[in-house]
Amino acid sequence: TDLLLGSTATDAIRPTTLASLAPQSAQAFGVPGLERGGGP
């Protein structure tokens, strides 16, 4: 959960369960691009 939220905006709301994390995490990593892997 911490890794998924590691690149989110500072005001991101931490989900209470991992199951509810998927939509937020996809947005956080820029899905469909999800290109933070190559970023700084």
ModelCIF file with pLDDT and N, C-alpha, C, O atoms, coordinates in Angstrom:
data_MODEL
#
_entry.id   MODEL 
#
_entity.id                         1 
_entity.type                       polymer 
_entity.pdbx_number_of_molecules   1 
#
_entity_poly.entity_id                      1 
_entity_poly.type                           'polypeptide(L)' 
_entity_poly.nstd_linkage                   no 
_entity_poly.nstd_monomer                   no 
_entity_poly.pdbx_seq_one_letter_code       TDLLLGSTATDAIRPTTLASLAPQSAQAFGVPGLERGGGP 
_entity_poly.pdbx_seq_one_letter_code_can   TDLLLGSTATDAIRPTTLASLAPQSAQAFGVPGLERGGGP 
_entity_poly.pdbx_strand_id                 A 
#
loop_
_entity_poly_seq.entity_id 
_entity_poly_seq.num 
_entity_poly_seq.mon_id 
_entity_poly_seq.hetero 
1 1  THR n 
1 2  ASP n 
1 3  LEU n 
1 4  LEU n 
1 5  LEU n 
1 6  GLY n 
1 7  SER n 
1 8  THR n 
1 9  ALA n 
1 10 THR n 
1 11 ASP n 
1 12 ALA n 
1 13 ILE n 
1 14 ARG n 
1 15 PRO n 
1 16 THR n 
1 17 THR n 
1 18 LEU n 
1 19 ALA n 
1 20 SER n 
1 21 LEU n 
1 22 ALA n 
1 23 PRO n 
1 24 GLN n 
1 25 SER n 
1 26 ALA n 
1 27 GLN n 
1 28 ALA n 
1 29 PHE n 
1 30 GLY n 
1 31 VAL n 
1 32 PRO n 
1 33 GLY n 
1 34 LEU n 
1 35 GLU n 
1 36 ARG n 
1 37 GLY n 
1 38 GLY n 
1 39 GLY n 
1 40 PRO n 
#
_struct_asym.id          A 
_struct_asym.entity_id   1 
#
loop_
_ma_qa_metric.id 
_ma_qa_metric.mode 
_ma_qa_metric.name 
_ma_qa_metric.software_group_id 
_ma_qa_metric.type 
1 global pLDDT . pLDDT 
2 local  pLDDT . pLDDT 
#
_ma_qa_metric_global.metric_id      1 
_ma_qa_metric_global.metric_value   44.17 
_ma_qa_metric_global.model_id       1 
_ma_qa_metric_global.ordinal_id     1 
#
loop_
_ma_qa_metric_local.label_asym_id 
_ma_qa_metric_local.label_comp_id 
_ma_qa_metric_local.label_seq_id 
_ma_qa_metric_local.metric_id 
_ma_qa_metric_local.metric_value 
_ma_qa_metric_local.model_id 
_ma_qa_metric_local.ordinal_id 
A THR 1  2 77.00 1 1  
A ASP 2  2 79.00 1 2  
A LEU 3  2 80.00 1 3  
A LEU 4  2 75.00 1 4  
A LEU 5  2 70.00 1 5  
A GLY 6  2 62.00 1 6  
A SER 7  2 46.00 1 7  
A THR 8  2 36.00 1 8  
A ALA 9  2 28.00 1 9  
A THR 10 2 26.00 1 10 
A ASP 11 2 32.00 1 11 
A ALA 12 2 31.00 1 12 
A ILE 13 2 31.00 1 13 
A ARG 14 2 37.00 1 14 
A PRO 15 2 34.00 1 15 
A THR 16 2 36.00 1 16 
A THR 17 2 33.00 1 17 
A LEU 18 2 33.00 1 18 
A ALA 19 2 39.00 1 19 
A SER 20 2 41.00 1 20 
A LEU 21 2 43.00 1 21 
A ALA 22 2 41.00 1 22 
A PRO 23 2 42.00 1 23 
A GLN 24 2 45.00 1 24 
A SER 25 2 43.00 1 25 
A ALA 26 2 42.00 1 26 
A GLN 27 2 42.00 1 27 
A ALA 28 2 40.00 1 28 
A PHE 29 2 42.00 1 29 
A GLY 30 2 39.00 1 30 
A VAL 31 2 38.00 1 31 
A PRO 32 2 35.00 1 32 
A GLY 33 2 36.00 1 33 
A LEU 34 2 41.00 1 34 
A GLU 35 2 43.00 1 35 
A ARG 36 2 47.00 1 36 
A GLY 37 2 50.00 1 37 
A GLY 38 2 46.00 1 38 
A GLY 39 2 45.00 1 39 
A PRO 40 2 41.00 1 40 
#
loop_
_atom_site.group_PDB 
_atom_site.id 
_atom_site.type_symbol 
_atom_site.label_atom_id 
_atom_site.label_alt_id 
_atom_site.label_comp_id 
_atom_site.label_asym_id 
_atom_site.label_entity_id 
_atom_site.label_seq_id 
_atom_site.pdbx_PDB_ins_code 
_atom_site.Cartn_x 
_atom_site.Cartn_y 
_atom_site.Cartn_z 
_atom_site.occupancy 
_atom_site.B_iso_or_equiv 
_atom_site.pdbx_formal_charge 
_atom_site.auth_seq_id 
_atom_site.auth_comp_id 
_atom_site.auth_asym_id 
_atom_site.auth_atom_id 
_atom_site.pdbx_PDB_model_num 
ATOM 1   N N  . THR A 1 1  ? 0.828   -1.205 0.000   1.00 77.00 ? 1  THR A N  1 
ATOM 2   C CA . THR A 1 1  ? 0.000   0.000  0.000   1.00 77.00 ? 1  THR A CA 1 
ATOM 3   C C  . THR A 1 1  ? 0.861   1.253  0.000   1.00 77.00 ? 1  THR A C  1 
ATOM 4   O O  . THR A 1 1  ? 0.580   2.208  -0.725  1.00 77.00 ? 1  THR A O  1 
ATOM 5   N N  . ASP A 1 2  ? 1.916   1.247  0.820   1.00 79.00 ? 2  ASP A N  1 
ATOM 6   C CA . ASP A 1 2  ? 2.805   2.410  0.873   1.00 79.00 ? 2  ASP A CA 1 
ATOM 7   C C  . ASP A 1 2  ? 3.492   2.641  -0.467  1.00 79.00 ? 2  ASP A C  1 
ATOM 8   O O  . ASP A 1 2  ? 3.638   3.783  -0.902  1.00 79.00 ? 2  ASP A O  1 
ATOM 9   N N  . LEU A 1 3  ? 3.915   1.562  -1.121  1.00 80.00 ? 3  LEU A N  1 
ATOM 10  C CA . LEU A 1 3  ? 4.566   1.719  -2.421  1.00 80.00 ? 3  LEU A CA 1 
ATOM 11  C C  . LEU A 1 3  ? 3.591   2.244  -3.465  1.00 80.00 ? 3  LEU A C  1 
ATOM 12  O O  . LEU A 1 3  ? 3.945   3.083  -4.294  1.00 80.00 ? 3  LEU A O  1 
ATOM 13  N N  . LEU A 1 4  ? 2.365   1.746  -3.418  1.00 75.00 ? 4  LEU A N  1 
ATOM 14  C CA . LEU A 1 4  ? 1.367   2.206  -4.381  1.00 75.00 ? 4  LEU A CA 1 
ATOM 15  C C  . LEU A 1 4  ? 1.062   3.685  -4.200  1.00 75.00 ? 4  LEU A C  1 
ATOM 16  O O  . LEU A 1 4  ? 0.796   4.398  -5.167  1.00 75.00 ? 4  LEU A O  1 
ATOM 17  N N  . LEU A 1 5  ? 1.104   4.132  -2.964  1.00 70.00 ? 5  LEU A N  1 
ATOM 18  C CA . LEU A 1 5  ? 0.797   5.534  -2.680  1.00 70.00 ? 5  LEU A CA 1 
ATOM 19  C C  . LEU A 1 5  ? 2.040   6.418  -2.712  1.00 70.00 ? 5  LEU A C  1 
ATOM 20  O O  . LEU A 1 5  ? 1.941   7.629  -2.515  1.00 70.00 ? 5  LEU A O  1 
ATOM 21  N N  . GLY A 1 6  ? 3.212   5.823  -2.958  1.00 62.00 ? 6  GLY A N  1 
ATOM 22  C CA . GLY A 1 6  ? 4.447   6.589  -2.889  1.00 62.00 ? 6  GLY A CA 1 
ATOM 23  C C  . GLY A 1 6  ? 4.542   7.716  -3.893  1.00 62.00 ? 6  GLY A C  1 
ATOM 24  O O  . GLY A 1 6  ? 5.273   8.678  -3.658  1.00 62.00 ? 6  GLY A O  1 
ATOM 25  N N  . SER A 1 7  ? 3.827   7.631  -5.008  1.00 46.00 ? 7  SER A N  1 
ATOM 26  C CA . SER A 1 7  ? 3.915   8.667  -6.026  1.00 46.00 ? 7  SER A CA 1 
ATOM 27  C C  . SER A 1 7  ? 2.622   9.452  -6.177  1.00 46.00 ? 7  SER A C  1 
ATOM 28  O O  . SER A 1 7  ? 2.428   10.141 -7.179  1.00 46.00 ? 7  SER A O  1 
ATOM 29  N N  . THR A 1 8  ? 1.746   9.357  -5.203  1.00 36.00 ? 8  THR A N  1 
ATOM 30  C CA . THR A 1 8  ? 0.490   10.081 -5.306  1.00 36.00 ? 8  THR A CA 1 
ATOM 31  C C  . THR A 1 8  ? 0.655   11.520 -4.853  1.00 36.00 ? 8  THR A C  1 
ATOM 32  O O  . THR A 1 8  ? 1.688   11.896 -4.300  1.00 36.00 ? 8  THR A O  1 
ATOM 33  N N  . ALA A 1 9  ? -0.377  12.321 -5.092  1.00 28.00 ? 9  ALA A N  1 
ATOM 34  C CA . ALA A 1 9  ? -0.364  13.702 -4.632  1.00 28.00 ? 9  ALA A CA 1 
ATOM 35  C C  . ALA A 1 9  ? -0.357  13.733 -3.113  1.00 28.00 ? 9  ALA A C  1 
ATOM 36  O O  . ALA A 1 9  ? -0.787  12.778 -2.467  1.00 28.00 ? 9  ALA A O  1 
ATOM 37  N N  . THR A 1 10 ? 0.127   14.824 -2.544  1.00 26.00 ? 10 THR A N  1 
ATOM 38  C CA . THR A 1 10 ? 0.267   14.905 -1.092  1.00 26.00 ? 10 THR A CA 1 
ATOM 39  C C  . THR A 1 10 ? -1.072  14.858 -0.385  1.00 26.00 ? 10 THR A C  1 
ATOM 40  O O  . THR A 1 10 ? -1.141  14.516 0.796   1.00 26.00 ? 10 THR A O  1 
ATOM 41  N N  . ASP A 1 11 ? -2.132  15.198 -1.093  1.00 32.00 ? 11 ASP A N  1 
ATOM 42  C CA . ASP A 1 11 ? -3.449  15.188 -0.453  1.00 32.00 ? 11 ASP A CA 1 
ATOM 43  C C  . ASP A 1 11 ? -4.213  13.893 -0.729  1.00 32.00 ? 11 ASP A C  1 
ATOM 44  O O  . ASP A 1 11 ? -5.422  13.827 -0.503  1.00 32.00 ? 11 ASP A O  1 
ATOM 45  N N  . ALA A 1 12 ? -3.517  12.868 -1.214  1.00 31.00 ? 12 ALA A N  1 
ATOM 46  C CA . ALA A 1 12 ? -4.191  11.604 -1.489  1.00 31.00 ? 12 ALA A CA 1 
ATOM 47  C C  . ALA A 1 12 ? -4.728  11.001 -0.202  1.00 31.00 ? 12 ALA A C  1 
ATOM 48  O O  . ALA A 1 12 ? -4.085  11.074 0.845   1.00 31.00 ? 12 ALA A O  1 
ATOM 49  N N  . ILE A 1 13 ? -5.889  10.418 -0.284  1.00 31.00 ? 13 ILE A N  1 
ATOM 50  C CA . ILE A 1 13 ? -6.521  9.813  0.886   1.00 31.00 ? 13 ILE A CA 1 
ATOM 51  C C  . ILE A 1 13 ? -6.085  8.362  0.975   1.00 31.00 ? 13 ILE A C  1 
ATOM 52  O O  . ILE A 1 13 ? -6.270  7.596  0.029   1.00 31.00 ? 13 ILE A O  1 
ATOM 53  N N  . ARG A 1 14 ? -5.510  7.983  2.096   1.00 37.00 ? 14 ARG A N  1 
ATOM 54  C CA . ARG A 1 14 ? -5.067  6.594  2.278   1.00 37.00 ? 14 ARG A CA 1 
ATOM 55  C C  . ARG A 1 14 ? -6.299  5.695  2.430   1.00 37.00 ? 14 ARG A C  1 
ATOM 56  O O  . ARG A 1 14 ? -7.134  5.938  3.301   1.00 37.00 ? 14 ARG A O  1 
ATOM 57  N N  . PRO A 1 15 ? -6.418  4.664  1.595   1.00 34.00 ? 15 PRO A N  1 
ATOM 58  C CA . PRO A 1 15 ? -7.567  3.752  1.692   1.00 34.00 ? 15 PRO A CA 1 
ATOM 59  C C  . PRO A 1 15 ? -7.471  2.899  2.950   1.00 34.00 ? 15 PRO A C  1 
ATOM 60  O O  . PRO A 1 15 ? -6.383  2.669  3.479   1.00 34.00 ? 15 PRO A O  1 
ATOM 61  N N  . THR A 1 16 ? -8.599  2.445  3.410   1.00 36.00 ? 16 THR A N  1 
ATOM 62  C CA . THR A 1 16 ? -8.614  1.622  4.620   1.00 36.00 ? 16 THR A CA 1 
ATOM 63  C C  . THR A 1 16 ? -8.282  0.177  4.317   1.00 36.00 ? 16 THR A C  1 
ATOM 64  O O  . THR A 1 16 ? -7.821  -0.545 5.201   1.00 36.00 ? 16 THR A O  1 
ATOM 65  N N  . THR A 1 17 ? -8.504  -0.261 3.093   1.00 33.00 ? 17 THR A N  1 
ATOM 66  C CA . THR A 1 17 ? -8.183  -1.638 2.722   1.00 33.00 ? 17 THR A CA 1 
ATOM 67  C C  . THR A 1 17 ? -7.531  -1.642 1.354   1.00 33.00 ? 17 THR A C  1 
ATOM 68  O O  . THR A 1 17 ? -7.751  -0.736 0.550   1.00 33.00 ? 17 THR A O  1 
ATOM 69  N N  . LEU A 1 18 ? -6.734  -2.654 1.093   1.00 33.00 ? 18 LEU A N  1 
ATOM 70  C CA . LEU A 1 18 ? -6.057  -2.754 -0.201  1.00 33.00 ? 18 LEU A CA 1 
ATOM 71  C C  . LEU A 1 18 ? -7.064  -2.961 -1.319  1.00 33.00 ? 18 LEU A C  1 
ATOM 72  O O  . LEU A 1 18 ? -6.831  -2.536 -2.450  1.00 33.00 ? 18 LEU A O  1 
ATOM 73  N N  . ALA A 1 19 ? -8.194  -3.618 -1.011  1.00 39.00 ? 19 ALA A N  1 
ATOM 74  C CA . ALA A 1 19 ? -9.183  -3.879 -2.053  1.00 39.00 ? 19 ALA A CA 1 
ATOM 75  C C  . ALA A 1 19 ? -9.720  -2.588 -2.646  1.00 39.00 ? 19 ALA A C  1 
ATOM 76  O O  . ALA A 1 19 ? -9.998  -2.522 -3.843  1.00 39.00 ? 19 ALA A O  1 
ATOM 77  N N  . SER A 1 20 ? -9.868  -1.560 -1.818  1.00 41.00 ? 20 SER A N  1 
ATOM 78  C CA . SER A 1 20 ? -10.395 -0.291 -2.318  1.00 41.00 ? 20 SER A CA 1 
ATOM 79  C C  . SER A 1 20 ? -9.307  0.587  -2.903  1.00 41.00 ? 20 SER A C  1 
ATOM 80  O O  . SER A 1 20 ? -9.573  1.705  -3.344  1.00 41.00 ? 20 SER A O  1 
ATOM 81  N N  . LEU A 1 21 ? -8.079  0.083  -2.910  1.00 43.00 ? 21 LEU A N  1 
ATOM 82  C CA . LEU A 1 21 ? -6.957  0.880  -3.367  1.00 43.00 ? 21 LEU A CA 1 
ATOM 83  C C  . LEU A 1 21 ? -6.837  0.920  -4.876  1.00 43.00 ? 21 LEU A C  1 
ATOM 84  O O  . LEU A 1 21 ? -6.335  1.897  -5.431  1.00 43.00 ? 21 LEU A O  1 
ATOM 85  N N  . ALA A 1 22 ? -7.298  -0.147 -5.562  1.00 41.00 ? 22 ALA A N  1 
ATOM 86  C CA . ALA A 1 22 ? -7.032  -0.292 -6.993  1.00 41.00 ? 22 ALA A CA 1 
ATOM 87  C C  . ALA A 1 22 ? -7.375  0.939  -7.823  1.00 41.00 ? 22 ALA A C  1 
ATOM 88  O O  . ALA A 1 22 ? -6.515  1.390  -8.580  1.00 41.00 ? 22 ALA A O  1 
ATOM 89  N N  . PRO A 1 23 ? -8.597  1.523  -7.732  1.00 42.00 ? 23 PRO A N  1 
ATOM 90  C CA . PRO A 1 23 ? -8.884  2.679  -8.564  1.00 42.00 ? 23 PRO A CA 1 
ATOM 91  C C  . PRO A 1 23 ? -7.963  3.854  -8.255  1.00 42.00 ? 23 PRO A C  1 
ATOM 92  O O  . PRO A 1 23 ? -7.519  4.549  -9.169  1.00 42.00 ? 23 PRO A O  1 
ATOM 93  N N  . GLN A 1 24 ? -7.667  4.088  -6.945  1.00 45.00 ? 24 GLN A N  1 
ATOM 94  C CA . GLN A 1 24 ? -6.811  5.197  -6.581  1.00 45.00 ? 24 GLN A CA 1 
ATOM 95  C C  . GLN A 1 24 ? -5.392  4.974  -7.058  1.00 45.00 ? 24 GLN A C  1 
ATOM 96  O O  . GLN A 1 24 ? -4.738  5.893  -7.549  1.00 45.00 ? 24 GLN A O  1 
ATOM 97  N N  . SER A 1 25 ? -4.913  3.725  -6.908  1.00 43.00 ? 25 SER A N  1 
ATOM 98  C CA . SER A 1 25 ? -3.529  3.453  -7.281  1.00 43.00 ? 25 SER A CA 1 
ATOM 99  C C  . SER A 1 25 ? -3.335  3.571  -8.776  1.00 43.00 ? 25 SER A C  1 
ATOM 100 O O  . SER A 1 25 ? -2.293  4.040  -9.235  1.00 43.00 ? 25 SER A O  1 
ATOM 101 N N  . ALA A 1 26 ? -4.344  3.143  -9.551  1.00 42.00 ? 26 ALA A N  1 
ATOM 102 C CA . ALA A 1 26 ? -4.226  3.264  -10.997 1.00 42.00 ? 26 ALA A CA 1 
ATOM 103 C C  . ALA A 1 26 ? -4.114  4.730  -11.393 1.00 42.00 ? 26 ALA A C  1 
ATOM 104 O O  . ALA A 1 26 ? -3.327  5.085  -12.270 1.00 42.00 ? 26 ALA A O  1 
ATOM 105 N N  . GLN A 1 27 ? -4.910  5.580  -10.741 1.00 42.00 ? 27 GLN A N  1 
ATOM 106 C CA . GLN A 1 27 ? -4.858  7.006  -11.031 1.00 42.00 ? 27 GLN A CA 1 
ATOM 107 C C  . GLN A 1 27 ? -3.542  7.599  -10.550 1.00 42.00 ? 27 GLN A C  1 
ATOM 108 O O  . GLN A 1 27 ? -2.961  8.462  -11.208 1.00 42.00 ? 27 GLN A O  1 
ATOM 109 N N  . ALA A 1 28 ? -3.069  7.122  -9.375  1.00 40.00 ? 28 ALA A N  1 
ATOM 110 C CA . ALA A 1 28 ? -1.852  7.667  -8.805  1.00 40.00 ? 28 ALA A CA 1 
ATOM 111 C C  . ALA A 1 28 ? -0.644  7.422  -9.692  1.00 40.00 ? 28 ALA A C  1 
ATOM 112 O O  . ALA A 1 28 ? 0.226   8.282  -9.830  1.00 40.00 ? 28 ALA A O  1 
ATOM 113 N N  . PHE A 1 29 ? -0.601  6.216  -10.302 1.00 42.00 ? 29 PHE A N  1 
ATOM 114 C CA . PHE A 1 29 ? 0.537   5.901  -11.139 1.00 42.00 ? 29 PHE A CA 1 
ATOM 115 C C  . PHE A 1 29 ? 0.339   6.350  -12.581 1.00 42.00 ? 29 PHE A C  1 
ATOM 116 O O  . PHE A 1 29 ? 1.188   6.083  -13.432 1.00 42.00 ? 29 PHE A O  1 
ATOM 117 N N  . GLY A 1 30 ? -0.781  7.034  -12.872 1.00 39.00 ? 30 GLY A N  1 
ATOM 118 C CA . GLY A 1 30 ? -0.999  7.536  -14.209 1.00 39.00 ? 30 GLY A CA 1 
ATOM 119 C C  . GLY A 1 30 ? -1.466  6.491  -15.191 1.00 39.00 ? 30 GLY A C  1 
ATOM 120 O O  . GLY A 1 30 ? -1.161  6.597  -16.379 1.00 39.00 ? 30 GLY A O  1 
ATOM 121 N N  . VAL A 1 31 ? -2.207  5.466  -14.735 1.00 38.00 ? 31 VAL A N  1 
ATOM 122 C CA . VAL A 1 31 ? -2.746  4.484  -15.655 1.00 38.00 ? 31 VAL A CA 1 
ATOM 123 C C  . VAL A 1 31 ? -3.635  5.213  -16.654 1.00 38.00 ? 31 VAL A C  1 
ATOM 124 O O  . VAL A 1 31 ? -4.405  6.068  -16.216 1.00 38.00 ? 31 VAL A O  1 
ATOM 125 N N  . PRO A 1 32 ? -3.595  4.938  -18.004 1.00 35.00 ? 32 PRO A N  1 
ATOM 126 C CA . PRO A 1 32 ? -2.943  3.760  -18.543 1.00 35.00 ? 32 PRO A CA 1 
ATOM 127 C C  . PRO A 1 32 ? -1.449  3.880  -18.788 1.00 35.00 ? 32 PRO A C  1 
ATOM 128 O O  . PRO A 1 32 ? -0.824  2.883  -19.149 1.00 35.00 ? 32 PRO A O  1 
ATOM 129 N N  . GLY A 1 33 ? -0.854  5.029  -18.615 1.00 36.00 ? 33 GLY A N  1 
ATOM 130 C CA . GLY A 1 33 ? 0.580   5.161  -18.855 1.00 36.00 ? 33 GLY A CA 1 
ATOM 131 C C  . GLY A 1 33 ? 1.426   4.510  -17.790 1.00 36.00 ? 33 GLY A C  1 
ATOM 132 O O  . GLY A 1 33 ? 2.329   3.732  -18.097 1.00 36.00 ? 33 GLY A O  1 
ATOM 133 N N  . LEU A 1 34 ? 1.141   4.822  -16.531 1.00 41.00 ? 34 LEU A N  1 
ATOM 134 C CA . LEU A 1 34 ? 1.874   4.275  -15.386 1.00 41.00 ? 34 LEU A CA 1 
ATOM 135 C C  . LEU A 1 34 ? 3.368   4.349  -15.608 1.00 41.00 ? 34 LEU A C  1 
ATOM 136 O O  . LEU A 1 34 ? 4.079   3.359  -15.433 1.00 41.00 ? 34 LEU A O  1 
ATOM 137 N N  . GLU A 1 35 ? 3.848   5.524  -15.995 1.00 43.00 ? 35 GLU A N  1 
ATOM 138 C CA . GLU A 1 35 ? 5.240   5.626  -16.420 1.00 43.00 ? 35 GLU A CA 1 
ATOM 139 C C  . GLU A 1 35 ? 6.176   6.140  -15.342 1.00 43.00 ? 35 GLU A C  1 
ATOM 140 O O  . GLU A 1 35 ? 7.276   6.593  -15.659 1.00 43.00 ? 35 GLU A O  1 
ATOM 141 N N  . ARG A 1 36 ? 5.777   6.086  -14.081 1.00 47.00 ? 36 ARG A N  1 
ATOM 142 C CA . ARG A 1 36 ? 6.685   6.523  -13.030 1.00 47.00 ? 36 ARG A CA 1 
ATOM 143 C C  . ARG A 1 36 ? 7.909   5.617  -12.933 1.00 47.00 ? 36 ARG A C  1 
ATOM 144 O O  . ARG A 1 36 ? 8.919   5.994  -12.339 1.00 47.00 ? 36 ARG A O  1 
ATOM 145 N N  . GLY A 1 37 ? 7.816   4.416  -13.520 1.00 50.00 ? 37 GLY A N  1 
ATOM 146 C CA . GLY A 1 37 ? 8.953   3.502  -13.480 1.00 50.00 ? 37 GLY A CA 1 
ATOM 147 C C  . GLY A 1 37 ? 10.188  4.103  -14.128 1.00 50.00 ? 37 GLY A C  1 
ATOM 148 O O  . GLY A 1 37 ? 11.308  3.823  -13.699 1.00 50.00 ? 37 GLY A O  1 
ATOM 149 N N  . GLY A 1 38 ? 10.002  4.930  -15.161 1.00 46.00 ? 38 GLY A N  1 
ATOM 150 C CA . GLY A 1 38 ? 11.143  5.483  -15.834 1.00 46.00 ? 38 GLY A CA 1 
ATOM 151 C C  . GLY A 1 38 ? 11.501  6.885  -15.385 1.00 46.00 ? 38 GLY A C  1 
ATOM 152 O O  . GLY A 1 38 ? 12.482  7.460  -15.857 1.00 46.00 ? 38 GLY A O  1 
ATOM 153 N N  . GLY A 1 39 ? 10.707  7.445  -14.467 1.00 45.00 ? 39 GLY A N  1 
ATOM 154 C CA . GLY A 1 39 ? 10.907  8.828  -14.048 1.00 45.00 ? 39 GLY A CA 1 
ATOM 155 C C  . GLY A 1 39 ? 11.999  8.984  -13.030 1.00 45.00 ? 39 GLY A C  1 
ATOM 156 O O  . GLY A 1 39 ? 12.644  8.001  -12.665 1.00 45.00 ? 39 GLY A O  1 
ATOM 157 N N  . PRO A 1 40 ? 12.229  10.201 -12.556 1.00 41.00 ? 40 PRO A N  1 
ATOM 158 C CA . PRO A 1 40 ? 13.304  10.450 -11.594 1.00 41.00 ? 40 PRO A CA 1 
ATOM 159 C C  . PRO A 1 40 ? 12.977  9.924  -10.212 1.00 41.00 ? 40 PRO A C  1 
ATOM 160 O O  . PRO A 1 40 ? 13.785  10.058 -9.293  1.00 41.00 ? 40 PRO A O  1 
#
